[in-house]
Amino acid sequence: MSSIVVVGANWGDEGKGRLVDYLAESASASIRFQGGNNAGHTVVNQHGTFKLHQLPSGIFNPDCLAVLGPGMVISPQALSEELAEVNAAGVTVNLCISDRATLCLPLHAVEDISEEQRLGDFAYGSTRQGIAPAYGDRVMKKGILVGWLKQPEVLRERLQFWLDWKLPQLKGLYPDIKMDQTADQLADWLLTISAPWRDAICDVTQPLNHIQKNGQTLLFEAQLGAGRDVTYGEYPWTTSSHVVSAYAGIGSGLPALSPERVIAVAKAFSSSVGKGTLVTAMEEQDAFREASNEYGAVTGRPRDMGYFDVVATRNGVSLQAATEIALTKLDCLSGLSGLKICVEYQGEHSDNPIWPQTESLQPVYEEMDGWDEDITGCRCFEDLPQAAQQYVIRIENLLGVPVTMVSVGPEREQMIIREFS
């Protein structure tokens, strides 16, 4: 039996979805263990191109159980739409949804939008999907459990309890907020919108335990990256859940999990969307962003582009307890002039291993030779130009963790697996 956790080493958008899709070919379960529909994992395979937001990226293996774990907040309408999209492409999803996950409701999105507007220039850069308010309600013990969708009377009772608590607060802080649905109307809507997947709601620990006992492979997929973890990331410009590998077991329904492999995914360059500080930001980045197609999968916002940041990535690899690294989008660096790697920071707080919260830090760069060749057709590491090989090896040496996989394009066959003797 093998337990593999795929996590982000930086701020998200590293390419975890394409790696999970690749690894899922030999997995018996693909599990999302935190987050909601506030980020997207792009998968390109024989079925087409998909931007998955709540479904795990292993859904394209028909023999792989797709699990939405108890650590998630689930947006019901978005999930129904996502399922309809993949079904229309001929993909049948073998789905299990934790009864202990909580719902992210339309009012949560309204609250999220209202708070970002209230904050103005101090906004967090939220995707405005309602994720933070949904997690906030869970911590306040007011969340609506997914399992209550199979207990309509309990659902109605808990929705009324929630609205009685929620609405007075929201109307006090956001006087113009609109909420016209009663608890009964909201319950009726939820029961209708969840119909396509309500039968999949269960105690997900049971099937996962069965897979474990049979010695089969479990594949765990995180959203975002270590720099967005609610505790260890660049607070307060974080997500509202734990995106680190240590949470994989808790958020999936297997609290005692001890994974054999933790793969930290990092791009061959830095990128970040939302608020926060990207120390290695490029002065001229528009052309590189366009060529690399670096836009948010949910919002379409342009990502801030930078050179590879060893300081941030080393911190992420440590937080994730990574056993190996997958380096993605190496092909995007072909033809980039002035290639370099940030090896340290200078300035106040430069010795702080936590993500910097000041723009006064300055990167210290190591110049690297670039390459002009198109590497998208390379299928083994030795096929890469010498400069590209040296770039990967230098990153590996600086991070102190083996780079076992290198992607040179979005397709499954464009993943180079490095062999170590």
Protein backbone atom coordinates (compact mmCIF):
# COMPACT_ATOMS: atom_id res chain seq x y z
CA MET A 1 0.00 0.00 0.00
CA SER A 2 1.23 3.48 -0.86
CA SER A 3 -0.09 6.82 0.37
CA ILE A 4 1.00 9.75 -1.80
CA VAL A 5 0.28 13.37 -0.86
CA VAL A 6 0.59 16.04 -3.56
CA VAL A 7 0.95 19.55 -2.17
CA GLY A 8 2.07 23.00 -3.29
CA ALA A 9 5.50 24.33 -2.35
CA ASN A 10 4.70 28.00 -2.92
CA TRP A 11 1.52 30.08 -3.26
CA GLY A 12 -0.60 27.75 -5.35
CA ASP A 13 -1.05 27.36 -9.11
CA GLU A 14 2.01 25.07 -9.26
CA GLY A 15 0.44 22.41 -11.48
CA LYS A 16 -0.73 19.89 -8.88
CA GLY A 17 -3.75 18.87 -10.95
CA ARG A 18 -1.73 17.60 -13.90
CA LEU A 19 0.52 15.65 -11.51
CA VAL A 20 -2.43 14.05 -9.71
CA ASP A 21 -3.98 13.14 -13.08
CA TYR A 22 -0.69 11.45 -14.00
CA LEU A 23 -0.31 9.56 -10.70
CA ALA A 24 -3.99 8.56 -10.56
CA GLU A 25 -3.48 6.04 -13.33
CA SER A 26 -2.19 3.64 -10.67
CA ALA A 27 -4.28 4.83 -7.70
CA SER A 28 -7.43 3.36 -6.17
CA ALA A 29 -8.63 6.60 -4.58
CA SER A 30 -8.05 10.27 -5.32
CA ILE A 31 -8.91 12.50 -2.37
CA ARG A 32 -9.37 16.24 -1.91
CA PHE A 33 -8.81 17.02 1.77
CA GLN A 34 -9.35 20.78 2.16
CA GLY A 35 -10.59 23.92 0.44
CA GLY A 36 -13.54 24.39 -1.86
CA ASN A 37 -14.14 25.90 -5.29
CA ASN A 38 -11.86 28.87 -4.67
CA ALA A 39 -9.04 27.49 -6.82
CA GLY A 40 -8.76 25.41 -9.95
CA HIS A 41 -6.62 22.47 -11.00
CA THR A 42 -6.13 22.32 -14.76
CA VAL A 43 -5.97 18.84 -16.26
CA VAL A 44 -5.23 18.09 -19.92
CA ASN A 45 -5.68 14.50 -21.11
CA GLN A 46 -7.38 12.41 -23.81
CA HIS A 47 -10.80 13.60 -22.59
CA GLY A 48 -10.00 17.29 -23.12
CA THR A 49 -8.97 20.25 -20.97
CA PHE A 50 -10.67 20.65 -17.59
CA LYS A 51 -10.46 23.20 -14.79
CA LEU A 52 -11.50 21.25 -11.72
CA HIS A 53 -12.48 23.18 -8.62
CA GLN A 54 -13.90 20.65 -6.17
CA LEU A 55 -13.54 17.26 -7.83
CA PRO A 56 -10.14 15.61 -7.33
CA SER A 57 -7.94 15.44 -10.40
CA GLY A 58 -7.92 11.64 -10.33
CA ILE A 59 -11.49 11.36 -11.63
CA PHE A 60 -10.33 10.37 -15.12
CA ASN A 61 -9.28 6.91 -13.96
CA PRO A 62 -12.58 4.98 -13.98
CA ASP A 63 -11.23 2.57 -11.36
CA CYS A 64 -10.27 5.39 -8.98
CA LEU A 65 -12.64 6.40 -6.19
CA ALA A 66 -13.07 10.20 -6.09
CA VAL A 67 -13.40 11.44 -2.51
CA LEU A 68 -14.37 14.88 -1.21
CA GLY A 69 -13.09 14.75 2.35
CA PRO A 70 -14.43 16.12 5.63
CA GLY A 71 -11.88 18.93 5.56
CA MET A 72 -13.61 20.56 2.57
CA VAL A 73 -16.32 23.21 2.29
CA ILE A 74 -18.55 22.26 -0.61
CA SER A 75 -20.45 24.66 -2.85
CA PRO A 76 -23.46 22.59 -3.95
CA GLN A 77 -24.44 24.31 -7.19
CA ALA A 78 -20.83 24.54 -8.38
CA LEU A 79 -20.35 20.83 -7.65
CA SER A 80 -23.44 19.89 -9.67
CA GLU A 81 -22.22 22.02 -12.58
CA GLU A 82 -18.73 20.52 -12.41
CA LEU A 83 -20.11 16.99 -12.44
CA ALA A 84 -22.35 17.83 -15.40
CA GLU A 85 -19.35 19.19 -17.32
CA VAL A 86 -17.19 16.08 -16.88
CA ASN A 87 -20.16 13.78 -17.52
CA ALA A 88 -20.80 15.61 -20.79
CA ALA A 89 -17.22 14.75 -21.79
CA GLY A 90 -17.96 11.06 -21.25
CA VAL A 91 -16.35 10.81 -17.82
CA THR A 92 -18.23 8.86 -15.15
CA VAL A 93 -17.16 9.81 -11.65
CA ASN A 94 -17.11 7.19 -8.90
CA LEU A 95 -17.84 9.69 -6.13
CA CYS A 96 -17.88 9.66 -2.33
CA ILE A 97 -18.62 12.87 -0.40
CA SER A 98 -17.97 13.13 3.31
CA ASP A 99 -21.03 13.63 5.49
CA ARG A 100 -18.73 15.64 7.78
CA ALA A 101 -17.80 18.26 5.19
CA THR A 102 -19.69 21.54 5.48
CA LEU A 103 -21.62 23.49 2.86
CA CYS A 104 -20.50 26.77 1.34
CA LEU A 105 -23.81 28.51 0.68
CA PRO A 106 -24.76 31.45 -1.57
CA LEU A 107 -25.00 33.74 1.47
CA HIS A 108 -21.37 32.94 2.26
CA ALA A 109 -20.37 34.28 -1.16
CA VAL A 110 -22.46 37.43 -0.60
CA GLU A 111 -20.72 37.88 2.76
CA ASP A 112 -17.31 37.33 1.18
CA ILE A 113 -17.96 39.93 -1.53
CA SER A 114 -19.36 42.43 0.97
CA GLU A 115 -16.33 42.11 3.24
CA GLU A 116 -13.84 42.56 0.39
CA GLN A 117 -15.74 45.69 -0.67
CA ARG A 118 -15.77 46.99 2.91
CA LEU A 119 -12.01 46.48 3.24
CA GLY A 120 -11.29 48.41 0.06
CA ASP A 121 -7.53 48.89 -0.34
CA PHE A 122 -6.96 46.50 2.57
CA ALA A 123 -8.88 43.61 0.98
CA TYR A 124 -7.36 40.12 1.22
CA GLY A 125 -7.64 39.34 -2.49
CA SER A 126 -10.31 36.70 -1.94
CA THR A 127 -11.78 34.78 -4.87
CA ARG A 128 -15.17 35.86 -3.44
CA GLN A 129 -16.57 32.33 -3.49
CA GLY A 130 -17.52 32.37 0.22
CA ILE A 131 -14.77 30.06 1.45
CA ALA A 132 -13.58 32.13 4.43
CA PRO A 133 -17.11 32.74 5.82
CA ALA A 134 -17.95 29.04 5.38
CA TYR A 135 -14.86 27.97 7.32
CA GLY A 136 -15.58 30.70 9.88
CA ASP A 137 -19.05 29.29 10.47
CA ARG A 138 -17.58 25.81 10.88
CA VAL A 139 -15.21 27.03 13.61
CA MET A 140 -18.10 28.86 15.27
CA LYS A 141 -20.03 25.55 15.28
CA LYS A 142 -22.72 27.01 13.06
CA GLY A 143 -21.79 25.24 9.82
CA ILE A 144 -24.27 23.18 7.81
CA LEU A 145 -23.04 19.59 7.48
CA VAL A 146 -23.26 17.90 4.09
CA GLY A 147 -24.71 14.85 5.84
CA TRP A 148 -27.82 16.80 6.80
CA LEU A 149 -28.84 16.79 3.13
CA LYS A 150 -29.92 13.20 3.82
CA GLN A 151 -31.92 14.33 6.88
CA PRO A 152 -34.28 17.02 5.56
CA GLU A 153 -35.92 17.83 8.89
CA VAL A 154 -32.56 18.27 10.59
CA LEU A 155 -31.42 20.36 7.62
CA ARG A 156 -34.36 22.74 7.96
CA GLU A 157 -33.87 23.07 11.69
CA ARG A 158 -30.14 23.81 11.39
CA LEU A 159 -30.65 26.28 8.54
CA GLN A 160 -33.14 28.23 10.68
CA PHE A 161 -30.69 28.19 13.59
CA TRP A 162 -27.95 29.43 11.26
CA LEU A 163 -30.01 32.23 9.71
CA ASP A 164 -31.23 33.45 13.12
CA TRP A 165 -27.58 33.83 14.13
CA LYS A 166 -26.12 35.01 10.83
CA LEU A 167 -28.50 37.59 9.39
CA PRO A 168 -28.53 40.10 12.28
CA GLN A 169 -24.72 40.26 12.19
CA LEU A 170 -24.56 40.70 8.43
CA LYS A 171 -27.26 43.36 8.32
CA GLY A 172 -25.46 45.27 11.07
CA LEU A 173 -22.13 45.27 9.23
CA TYR A 174 -23.44 45.40 5.65
CA PRO A 175 -26.76 47.31 5.71
CA ASP A 176 -27.42 46.78 2.00
CA ILE A 177 -27.03 43.00 2.07
CA LYS A 178 -29.92 41.04 0.57
CA MET A 179 -31.16 37.66 1.78
CA ASP A 180 -34.72 36.88 0.75
CA GLN A 181 -34.81 33.09 1.20
CA THR A 182 -36.37 31.53 4.26
CA ALA A 183 -34.87 28.45 5.86
CA ASP A 184 -37.50 26.27 4.18
CA GLN A 185 -36.84 27.82 0.77
CA LEU A 186 -33.11 27.39 1.19
CA ALA A 187 -33.59 23.76 2.25
CA ASP A 188 -35.78 23.08 -0.80
CA TRP A 189 -33.15 24.61 -3.08
CA LEU A 190 -30.38 22.57 -1.48
CA LEU A 191 -32.31 19.32 -1.82
CA THR A 192 -32.97 20.06 -5.49
CA ILE A 193 -29.45 21.20 -6.42
CA SER A 194 -27.76 18.32 -4.58
CA ALA A 195 -29.90 15.62 -6.23
CA PRO A 196 -27.20 14.56 -8.73
CA TRP A 197 -24.75 13.66 -5.97
CA ARG A 198 -26.71 13.27 -2.73
CA ASP A 199 -26.55 9.47 -2.88
CA ALA A 200 -22.74 9.74 -2.80
CA ILE A 201 -22.77 11.24 0.72
CA CYS A 202 -21.33 8.82 3.25
CA ASP A 203 -18.76 8.22 5.96
CA VAL A 204 -15.75 8.27 3.62
CA THR A 205 -13.48 6.70 6.24
CA GLN A 206 -15.06 3.31 5.58
CA PRO A 207 -14.17 2.94 1.86
CA LEU A 208 -10.76 4.49 2.46
CA ASN A 209 -10.04 2.04 5.27
CA HIS A 210 -11.05 -0.79 2.93
CA ILE A 211 -8.64 0.43 0.24
CA GLN A 212 -5.86 0.70 2.82
CA LYS A 213 -6.43 -2.84 4.09
CA ASN A 214 -6.27 -4.16 0.52
CA GLY A 215 -2.84 -2.59 0.08
CA GLN A 216 -3.92 -0.25 -2.72
CA THR A 217 -2.67 3.26 -3.45
CA LEU A 218 -4.29 6.37 -1.96
CA LEU A 219 -3.61 9.71 -3.62
CA PHE A 220 -4.23 12.92 -1.65
CA GLU A 221 -4.54 16.28 -3.40
CA ALA A 222 -4.13 19.68 -1.75
CA GLN A 223 -5.37 23.00 -3.04
CA LEU A 224 -3.08 26.05 -3.16
CA GLY A 225 0.42 25.95 -1.62
CA ALA A 226 2.32 26.26 1.65
CA GLY A 227 2.49 30.06 1.40
CA ARG A 228 -1.32 30.19 1.64
CA ASP A 229 -1.71 27.92 4.69
CA VAL A 230 -3.95 29.60 7.27
CA THR A 231 -1.40 29.04 10.06
CA TYR A 232 2.00 28.95 8.33
CA GLY A 233 1.42 31.05 5.23
CA GLU A 234 1.73 34.77 4.52
CA TYR A 235 -1.01 35.72 6.98
CA PRO A 236 -3.50 37.36 6.50
CA TRP A 237 -3.17 36.84 2.72
CA THR A 238 -3.86 33.15 3.09
CA THR A 239 -6.64 30.72 2.39
CA SER A 240 -8.86 29.64 5.29
CA SER A 241 -7.75 26.02 5.63
CA HIS A 242 -4.62 23.93 6.14
CA VAL A 243 -2.91 23.15 2.84
CA VAL A 244 0.05 21.31 4.36
CA SER A 245 0.63 17.57 4.05
CA ALA A 246 0.19 17.05 7.80
CA TYR A 247 -3.52 17.81 7.34
CA ALA A 248 -4.03 15.24 4.58
CA GLY A 249 -5.15 12.50 6.95
CA ILE A 250 -7.38 14.68 9.09
CA GLY A 251 -9.01 16.36 6.10
CA SER A 252 -9.55 13.11 4.22
CA GLY A 253 -11.09 10.94 6.93
CA LEU A 254 -7.93 9.01 7.88
CA PRO A 255 -6.58 10.94 10.90
CA ALA A 256 -3.76 8.46 11.60
CA LEU A 257 -2.34 8.66 8.07
CA SER A 258 1.44 8.35 7.69
CA PRO A 259 2.12 8.92 3.97
CA GLU A 260 5.05 7.18 2.29
CA ARG A 261 5.54 9.98 -0.25
CA VAL A 262 4.96 13.72 -0.04
CA ILE A 263 5.47 15.39 -3.40
CA ALA A 264 5.86 19.17 -3.21
CA VAL A 265 5.03 20.73 -6.57
CA ALA A 266 6.85 23.90 -7.60
CA LYS A 267 6.97 25.80 -10.85
CA ALA A 268 10.33 26.37 -12.53
CA PHE A 269 9.66 30.06 -11.82
CA SER A 270 7.60 31.96 -9.24
CA SER A 271 4.04 33.19 -9.65
CA SER A 272 1.39 34.42 -7.27
CA VAL A 273 -2.19 35.66 -7.56
CA GLY A 274 -3.95 37.77 -4.94
CA LYS A 275 -2.37 39.87 -2.21
CA GLY A 276 1.03 39.37 -0.60
CA THR A 277 4.65 39.92 -1.46
CA LEU A 278 6.46 38.28 -4.37
CA VAL A 279 10.08 39.18 -3.60
CA THR A 280 11.41 37.97 -6.96
CA ALA A 281 8.85 39.78 -9.12
CA MET A 282 10.13 40.55 -12.62
CA GLU A 283 10.27 44.16 -13.74
CA GLU A 284 8.93 43.28 -17.19
CA GLN A 285 6.56 40.32 -16.93
CA ASP A 286 3.61 40.82 -19.28
CA ALA A 287 5.07 38.90 -22.23
CA PHE A 288 6.26 36.05 -20.01
CA ARG A 289 2.86 35.83 -18.29
CA GLU A 290 1.07 35.69 -21.62
CA ALA A 291 3.41 33.06 -23.07
CA SER A 292 3.09 30.94 -19.90
CA ASN A 293 -0.71 31.44 -19.67
CA GLU A 294 -0.46 32.55 -16.05
CA TYR A 295 -3.97 33.61 -15.07
CA GLY A 296 -6.09 32.51 -12.11
CA ALA A 297 -8.19 29.42 -12.89
CA VAL A 298 -11.22 30.76 -10.97
CA THR A 299 -11.01 34.54 -11.33
CA GLY A 300 -8.92 34.93 -14.48
CA ARG A 301 -6.76 37.45 -12.62
CA PRO A 302 -3.21 37.88 -14.00
CA ARG A 303 -0.58 36.26 -11.79
CA ASP A 304 2.44 38.21 -10.59
CA MET A 305 5.52 36.65 -12.24
CA GLY A 306 8.96 36.19 -10.75
CA TYR A 307 12.21 34.27 -10.85
CA PHE A 308 12.55 31.00 -8.95
CA ASP A 309 12.70 31.75 -5.21
CA VAL A 310 14.79 29.23 -3.30
CA VAL A 311 14.14 30.91 0.08
CA ALA A 312 10.34 30.67 -0.22
CA THR A 313 10.44 27.24 -1.83
CA ARG A 314 12.81 25.81 0.78
CA ASN A 315 10.43 27.03 3.47
CA GLY A 316 7.51 25.44 1.64
CA VAL A 317 9.33 22.14 1.17
CA SER A 318 10.10 22.11 4.89
CA LEU A 319 6.52 22.94 5.91
CA GLN A 320 5.24 20.18 3.64
CA ALA A 321 7.78 17.63 4.96
CA ALA A 322 8.38 16.84 1.30
CA THR A 323 10.20 13.68 0.33
CA GLU A 324 10.53 14.80 -3.29
CA ILE A 325 9.83 17.68 -5.65
CA ALA A 326 7.98 17.87 -8.95
CA LEU A 327 9.15 20.83 -11.02
CA THR A 328 6.56 22.03 -13.52
CA LYS A 329 6.46 24.31 -16.58
CA LEU A 330 10.18 24.10 -17.30
CA ASP A 331 9.28 24.51 -20.97
CA CYS A 332 8.06 28.05 -20.32
CA LEU A 333 11.64 29.16 -19.61
CA SER A 334 12.85 28.34 -23.13
CA GLY A 335 14.09 31.54 -24.74
CA LEU A 336 13.88 33.60 -21.51
CA SER A 337 16.85 35.94 -21.32
CA GLY A 338 18.46 36.81 -18.00
CA LEU A 339 17.58 33.54 -16.28
CA LYS A 340 18.37 33.58 -12.56
CA ILE A 341 17.56 32.03 -9.19
CA CYS A 342 17.01 33.89 -5.90
CA VAL A 343 19.29 32.23 -3.33
CA GLU A 344 18.75 34.57 -0.35
CA TYR A 345 17.10 37.79 0.82
CA GLN A 346 18.71 40.99 2.07
CA GLY A 347 17.07 43.50 4.37
CA GLU A 348 15.20 43.68 7.66
CA HIS A 349 13.76 40.30 8.75
CA SER A 350 15.68 38.50 6.01
CA ASP A 351 16.57 35.78 8.54
CA ASN A 352 12.89 35.00 9.17
CA PRO A 353 12.00 31.65 7.57
CA ILE A 354 8.30 32.57 7.43
CA TRP A 355 7.07 34.25 4.25
CA PRO A 356 8.10 37.92 4.26
CA GLN A 357 5.51 40.52 5.09
CA THR A 358 7.49 43.56 4.04
CA GLU A 359 8.35 44.88 0.62
CA SER A 360 11.76 46.10 1.87
CA LEU A 361 13.41 42.71 1.27
CA GLN A 362 15.68 42.46 -1.74
CA PRO A 363 16.48 39.22 -3.59
CA VAL A 364 20.04 38.05 -4.06
CA TYR A 365 20.30 36.30 -7.43
CA GLU A 366 22.51 33.67 -8.94
CA GLU A 367 22.79 34.01 -12.72
CA MET A 368 22.04 30.89 -14.78
CA ASP A 369 22.60 30.03 -18.44
CA GLY A 370 19.37 29.94 -20.42
CA TRP A 371 18.40 27.88 -23.46
CA ASP A 372 16.47 28.56 -26.65
CA GLU A 373 15.49 25.01 -27.65
CA ASP A 374 11.87 23.82 -27.63
CA ILE A 375 11.92 21.12 -24.93
CA THR A 376 8.26 20.07 -25.09
CA GLY A 377 9.23 16.90 -26.97
CA CYS A 378 11.84 15.75 -24.44
CA ARG A 379 10.90 12.53 -22.67
CA CYS A 380 13.95 11.82 -20.52
CA PHE A 381 16.13 14.13 -18.48
CA GLU A 382 19.20 13.57 -20.63
CA ASP A 383 17.29 14.85 -23.69
CA LEU A 384 17.05 18.32 -22.15
CA PRO A 385 19.59 20.98 -23.17
CA GLN A 386 22.60 21.03 -20.84
CA ALA A 387 21.60 24.45 -19.49
CA ALA A 388 18.11 23.16 -18.60
CA GLN A 389 19.60 20.13 -16.85
CA GLN A 390 21.95 22.35 -14.87
CA TYR A 391 19.07 24.65 -13.90
CA VAL A 392 17.09 21.73 -12.44
CA ILE A 393 20.13 20.26 -10.70
CA ARG A 394 21.04 23.61 -9.16
CA ILE A 395 17.53 24.02 -7.76
CA GLU A 396 17.68 20.46 -6.42
CA ASN A 397 21.01 21.10 -4.67
CA LEU A 398 19.82 24.39 -3.17
CA LEU A 399 16.61 22.80 -1.84
CA GLY A 400 18.23 19.61 -0.58
CA VAL A 401 15.39 17.39 -1.79
CA PRO A 402 15.44 15.31 -5.00
CA VAL A 403 13.58 16.62 -8.04
CA THR A 404 12.02 13.36 -9.20
CA MET A 405 9.69 14.74 -11.87
CA VAL A 406 9.99 17.54 -14.40
CA SER A 407 7.14 18.60 -16.68
CA VAL A 408 7.76 20.09 -20.11
CA GLY A 409 4.11 20.59 -21.06
CA PRO A 410 0.55 19.98 -19.86
CA GLU A 411 0.02 16.51 -21.37
CA ARG A 412 0.51 13.32 -19.37
CA GLU A 413 3.34 12.11 -21.59
CA GLN A 414 5.19 15.41 -21.07
CA MET A 415 6.16 14.42 -17.53
CA ILE A 416 9.82 13.41 -17.27
CA ILE A 417 10.53 10.89 -14.51
CA ARG A 418 14.09 11.08 -13.27
CA GLU A 419 15.78 7.82 -12.42
CA PHE A 420 18.12 7.74 -9.42
CA SER A 421 20.50 4.84 -8.88
